[in-house]
């Protein structure tokens, strides 16, 4: 059973930076695509960024393009989300997600496509 554990959340000022990490265990990390989603208070969980299992392709929500960078280190079974120029509207619980892929290597942006989820880490940006 794959387990994902996020870390790195916290409170920052408007314009600050944070780096979220996702530690994977219980499976072959290089065999699954990864994504980051967030859920602001009282709202639906939304796609933030995705990366394919090889790490060669990425996708971002329009709201974070140019500010956030998703990456992965298959050798360390780790995924990352570097968040720069943070804004108050980025305040949310952030979740790491994974989906097993074998013969194809896409980036998934639909949360329904993901099999595995972490427990989330809170990011709060104050103005």
Foldseek 3Di string as FASTA:
>chain_A
DKAKAKDWADEEEQQAKIKMKIAIDDDQQLQKKKFKWWDAPPGDIFGAKIAWSVRPDMDGDPVQPPFWDWGADSVRRMIMIIGGSDDQVVWTWMKMFIAGDDPDIDIDGDPVRTDYIHPTDTHGYHD
